[in-house]
Amino acid sequence: MAGLDRYIAVLRLYSQSQSEWTVIDMAERLGVPQSTVYRTVRDLVGENFLETASEARYRLGSVFIEFDRLLRLTDPLLTAGSQVLEEVVAAVGVPCVGLLCRLYNDTVMCIADATAPGATFSSSYERGRPMPLTMGATSKAILAHLPTRRFNRVIDQWPEARTQAFRAELMAVRKSGVCVSSGEIDANVVGVAAPILSKTPGLLASLSLVLPQSIADDAMVARIAAATMAGARHIEEGLASSGGL
């Protein structure tokens, strides 16, 4: 490993299931000399990307908290969309969870959520957690609007997504401007999502509402879909006025 790659490789080792590492364990997992990992860890500790957890063990450092705050204050999608998200959730008047998510490499990541009073469930889409791009309304509303070349590359990576039925479903989403799914990510809930389209490279997102399956009849889904699409258009207008679209 050389240059930036060695720093990224070390940081990518960290996960919810393994939040602390020793230099020896890092070197073994990465297949590189301990001396190389030691120098990398020393540099990362010096810049607060890592910090000492206990003797000879390291965890992620507080610089990520600093950057997270900066993102919350400067992310154009979050700036344009967080208030709209809250307003849409409040306006529909049903127990639901609202999600503002964006494309992240070949996954989808939640950047903000809002929970209506009376909602007794949560969504697996948590801020900062990468989610599948081919499952759930929140994700498929984004997938359906990828540029053709990238769309085909993503589809080719997932055997279950290569079917004509799946492609037809995504074409319908692209045409209608809304995606509805039931129980694909979390059981007993229905997701309704609308894409947020931007001319800014990489800024492709969705606004979605997740509600209990028990209240999601056709009339309710149609009302939620209208509110979701209106909210997405409002966010697009906010991005445009701020120069982010």
Protein backbone atom coordinates (compact mmCIF):
# COMPACT_ATOMS: atom_id res chain seq x y z
CA MET A 1 0.00 0.00 0.00
CA ALA A 2 1.16 3.51 -0.73
CA GLY A 3 -0.07 7.05 -0.32
CA LEU A 4 -3.71 7.64 0.52
CA ASP A 5 -4.62 3.97 0.00
CA ARG A 6 -2.88 2.85 3.18
CA TYR A 7 -4.79 5.35 5.31
CA ILE A 8 -8.13 4.44 3.76
CA ALA A 9 -7.43 0.72 4.15
CA VAL A 10 -6.85 1.13 7.89
CA LEU A 11 -9.93 3.29 8.44
CA ARG A 12 -12.10 0.89 6.43
CA LEU A 13 -11.28 -1.88 8.89
CA TYR A 14 -13.51 -0.27 11.51
CA SER A 15 -17.10 -1.44 11.85
CA GLN A 16 -19.87 -1.64 14.40
CA SER A 17 -18.86 -5.21 15.18
CA GLN A 18 -15.16 -4.39 15.56
CA SER A 19 -14.54 -0.86 16.78
CA GLU A 20 -11.03 -1.38 18.18
CA TRP A 21 -7.91 -2.75 16.51
CA THR A 22 -4.29 -3.42 17.35
CA VAL A 23 -1.49 -2.76 14.89
CA ILE A 24 -0.77 -6.49 14.82
CA ASP A 25 -4.38 -7.34 13.93
CA MET A 26 -4.48 -4.60 11.28
CA ALA A 27 -1.30 -5.88 9.65
CA GLU A 28 -2.59 -9.44 9.62
CA ARG A 29 -5.95 -8.47 8.12
CA LEU A 30 -4.40 -6.20 5.48
CA GLY A 31 -1.48 -8.47 4.69
CA VAL A 32 1.15 -5.74 5.05
CA PRO A 33 4.17 -5.34 7.36
CA GLN A 34 3.51 -4.19 10.92
CA SER A 35 6.01 -1.37 10.44
CA THR A 36 3.90 0.06 7.60
CA VAL A 37 0.72 -0.13 9.65
CA TYR A 38 2.45 1.39 12.68
CA ARG A 39 3.53 4.44 10.66
CA THR A 40 0.04 4.79 9.22
CA VAL A 41 -1.62 4.55 12.64
CA ARG A 42 0.88 7.04 14.07
CA ASP A 43 -0.06 9.56 11.37
CA LEU A 44 -3.79 8.96 11.84
CA VAL A 45 -3.52 9.40 15.61
CA GLY A 46 -1.57 12.61 15.07
CA GLU A 47 -4.49 14.06 13.09
CA ASN A 48 -7.20 12.63 15.41
CA PHE A 49 -8.57 10.19 12.84
CA LEU A 50 -7.69 7.50 15.37
CA GLU A 51 -7.20 7.61 19.11
CA THR A 52 -5.88 5.24 21.73
CA ALA A 53 -8.64 3.07 23.21
CA SER A 54 -6.46 1.06 25.58
CA GLU A 55 -2.92 -0.18 25.59
CA ALA A 56 -1.97 -1.02 22.00
CA ARG A 57 -5.57 -0.70 20.75
CA TYR A 58 -7.03 2.08 18.63
CA ARG A 59 -10.54 3.35 17.82
CA LEU A 60 -11.92 6.02 15.49
CA GLY A 61 -11.06 9.53 16.57
CA SER A 62 -13.04 12.67 17.32
CA VAL A 63 -12.18 14.38 14.03
CA PHE A 64 -15.13 12.51 12.49
CA ILE A 65 -17.46 14.32 14.91
CA GLU A 66 -16.00 17.62 13.76
CA PHE A 67 -16.53 16.73 10.11
CA ASP A 68 -20.05 15.46 10.79
CA ARG A 69 -20.97 18.83 12.31
CA LEU A 70 -19.48 20.60 9.30
CA LEU A 71 -21.50 18.41 6.93
CA ARG A 72 -24.69 19.12 8.85
CA LEU A 73 -24.05 22.83 8.43
CA THR A 74 -22.87 22.88 4.81
CA ASP A 75 -24.37 19.90 2.93
CA PRO A 76 -26.59 21.57 0.28
CA LEU A 77 -29.06 18.68 0.26
CA LEU A 78 -29.40 18.74 4.03
CA THR A 79 -29.69 22.53 4.07
CA ALA A 80 -32.43 22.49 1.42
CA GLY A 81 -34.19 19.36 2.62
CA SER A 82 -34.20 19.00 6.39
CA GLN A 83 -36.96 21.55 7.03
CA VAL A 84 -39.02 20.22 4.11
CA LEU A 85 -38.69 16.70 5.52
CA GLU A 86 -40.06 17.84 8.88
CA GLU A 87 -42.91 19.71 7.22
CA VAL A 88 -43.96 16.79 5.03
CA VAL A 89 -43.98 14.38 7.97
CA ALA A 90 -46.08 16.79 10.01
CA ALA A 91 -48.48 17.58 7.16
CA VAL A 92 -49.53 14.01 6.29
CA GLY A 93 -50.92 13.51 9.79
CA VAL A 94 -50.23 9.78 10.08
CA PRO A 95 -47.70 7.80 12.12
CA CYS A 96 -44.73 7.61 9.77
CA VAL A 97 -41.00 8.03 9.45
CA GLY A 98 -39.60 10.46 6.89
CA LEU A 99 -36.23 9.88 5.26
CA LEU A 100 -33.92 12.10 3.25
CA CYS A 101 -31.35 9.89 1.50
CA ARG A 102 -28.70 10.25 -1.17
CA LEU A 103 -26.65 8.13 -3.52
CA TYR A 104 -23.38 6.99 -1.92
CA ASN A 105 -21.12 5.07 -4.30
CA ASP A 106 -23.26 2.04 -5.20
CA THR A 107 -25.40 2.29 -2.06
CA VAL A 108 -27.90 4.72 -0.57
CA MET A 109 -27.25 6.62 2.65
CA CYS A 110 -29.70 8.42 4.92
CA ILE A 111 -28.61 11.95 5.85
CA ALA A 112 -31.69 12.97 7.87
CA ASP A 113 -34.88 11.46 9.28
CA ALA A 114 -38.00 12.62 11.07
CA THR A 115 -40.54 10.65 13.08
CA ALA A 116 -44.20 11.64 13.35
CA PRO A 117 -46.02 11.49 16.70
CA GLY A 118 -47.56 8.06 17.23
CA ALA A 119 -45.04 6.18 15.10
CA THR A 120 -44.04 3.09 17.07
CA PHE A 121 -41.46 1.75 14.61
CA SER A 122 -38.12 2.85 13.23
CA SER A 123 -36.47 2.50 9.85
CA SER A 124 -33.31 0.60 9.05
CA TYR A 125 -32.21 3.66 7.11
CA GLU A 126 -30.12 5.42 9.77
CA ARG A 127 -27.95 8.47 9.17
CA GLY A 128 -24.59 7.29 7.91
CA ARG A 129 -25.57 3.66 7.30
CA PRO A 130 -25.09 2.46 3.69
CA MET A 131 -28.14 0.58 2.41
CA PRO A 132 -28.70 -1.59 -0.70
CA LEU A 133 -29.39 0.30 -3.90
CA THR A 134 -31.68 -2.37 -5.36
CA MET A 135 -34.13 -2.84 -2.45
CA GLY A 136 -36.78 -0.60 -0.94
CA ALA A 137 -38.64 2.41 -2.31
CA THR A 138 -36.14 4.84 -0.82
CA SER A 139 -33.31 3.25 -2.80
CA LYS A 140 -35.14 2.31 -5.99
CA ALA A 141 -36.39 5.87 -6.48
CA ILE A 142 -32.70 6.78 -6.81
CA LEU A 143 -31.65 3.73 -8.81
CA ALA A 144 -34.34 4.35 -11.43
CA HIS A 145 -32.81 7.74 -12.24
CA LEU A 146 -29.16 6.78 -12.57
CA PRO A 147 -27.55 7.60 -15.92
CA THR A 148 -27.87 4.65 -18.30
CA ARG A 149 -24.24 3.52 -18.19
CA ARG A 150 -24.08 3.58 -14.41
CA PHE A 151 -27.52 2.02 -14.12
CA ASN A 152 -26.45 -0.94 -16.25
CA ARG A 153 -23.21 -1.36 -14.32
CA VAL A 154 -25.07 -1.45 -11.00
CA ILE A 155 -27.70 -3.86 -12.29
CA ASP A 156 -25.00 -6.20 -13.62
CA GLN A 157 -23.52 -6.46 -10.11
CA TRP A 158 -26.72 -7.87 -8.65
CA PRO A 159 -28.05 -11.11 -10.21
CA GLU A 160 -31.45 -10.66 -8.58
CA ALA A 161 -31.80 -7.29 -10.31
CA ARG A 162 -31.11 -8.45 -13.88
CA THR A 163 -34.65 -9.63 -14.58
CA GLN A 164 -36.92 -7.93 -17.07
CA ALA A 165 -39.54 -7.54 -14.33
CA PHE A 166 -37.14 -5.54 -12.17
CA ARG A 167 -36.13 -3.31 -15.07
CA ALA A 168 -39.80 -2.78 -15.91
CA GLU A 169 -40.50 -1.81 -12.30
CA LEU A 170 -37.74 0.80 -12.39
CA MET A 171 -38.94 2.17 -15.72
CA ALA A 172 -42.39 2.61 -14.18
CA VAL A 173 -40.82 4.47 -11.26
CA ARG A 174 -38.96 6.73 -13.66
CA LYS A 175 -42.16 7.46 -15.57
CA SER A 176 -44.46 8.03 -12.60
CA GLY A 177 -42.01 9.88 -10.36
CA VAL A 178 -42.76 7.76 -7.32
CA CYS A 179 -41.83 4.33 -5.98
CA VAL A 180 -43.88 2.21 -3.57
CA SER A 181 -42.60 -0.94 -1.88
CA SER A 182 -43.82 -3.17 0.92
CA GLY A 183 -41.66 -5.04 3.42
CA GLU A 184 -38.50 -5.08 1.30
CA ILE A 185 -36.26 -3.61 4.01
CA ASP A 186 -38.37 -3.67 7.19
CA ALA A 187 -41.32 -5.98 7.78
CA ASN A 188 -44.89 -4.70 8.06
CA VAL A 189 -44.20 -1.25 6.61
CA VAL A 190 -44.75 0.41 3.25
CA GLY A 191 -42.28 2.87 1.78
CA VAL A 192 -43.26 5.65 -0.62
CA ALA A 193 -40.40 7.60 -2.21
CA ALA A 194 -39.86 10.32 -4.79
CA PRO A 195 -36.53 11.16 -6.42
CA ILE A 196 -34.75 14.46 -5.87
CA LEU A 197 -33.04 15.26 -9.16
CA SER A 198 -30.02 17.53 -9.36
CA LYS A 199 -27.63 18.65 -12.08
CA THR A 200 -24.83 18.65 -9.54
CA PRO A 201 -22.63 15.56 -10.16
CA GLY A 202 -23.24 12.85 -7.55
CA LEU A 203 -26.17 14.65 -5.92
CA LEU A 204 -29.02 12.22 -6.62
CA ALA A 205 -31.37 11.69 -3.71
CA SER A 206 -34.84 10.72 -2.56
CA LEU A 207 -37.47 11.82 -0.09
CA SER A 208 -39.53 9.00 1.36
CA LEU A 209 -42.19 8.28 3.94
CA VAL A 210 -42.48 4.92 5.67
CA LEU A 211 -45.81 4.00 7.25
CA PRO A 212 -47.42 0.94 8.84
CA GLN A 213 -48.74 -1.58 6.34
CA SER A 214 -51.97 -1.74 8.35
CA ILE A 215 -53.01 1.77 7.25
CA ALA A 216 -51.50 1.73 3.77
CA ASP A 217 -54.60 1.24 1.62
CA ASP A 218 -54.68 2.57 -1.94
CA ALA A 219 -56.15 5.93 -0.97
CA MET A 220 -53.58 6.44 1.78
CA VAL A 221 -50.67 5.49 -0.48
CA ALA A 222 -51.91 7.89 -3.16
CA ARG A 223 -52.10 10.73 -0.61
CA ILE A 224 -48.63 9.94 0.75
CA ALA A 225 -47.23 9.72 -2.78
CA ALA A 226 -48.58 13.18 -3.63
CA ALA A 227 -47.09 14.66 -0.46
CA THR A 228 -43.76 12.98 -1.07
CA MET A 229 -43.49 14.17 -4.67
CA ALA A 230 -44.46 17.71 -3.66
CA GLY A 231 -41.80 17.66 -0.95
CA ALA A 232 -39.16 16.44 -3.41
CA ARG A 233 -40.00 19.25 -5.83
CA HIS A 234 -39.76 21.76 -2.97
CA ILE A 235 -36.28 20.47 -2.12
CA GLU A 236 -35.25 20.74 -5.78
CA GLU A 237 -36.39 24.36 -5.75
CA GLY A 238 -34.34 24.98 -2.63
CA LEU A 239 -31.28 23.42 -4.23
CA ALA A 240 -31.76 25.53 -7.36
CA SER A 241 -32.07 28.77 -5.41
CA SER A 242 -28.90 27.99 -3.47
CA GLY A 243 -26.94 27.02 -6.58
CA GLY A 244 -26.95 23.31 -5.70
CA LEU A 245 -29.10 22.22 -8.64
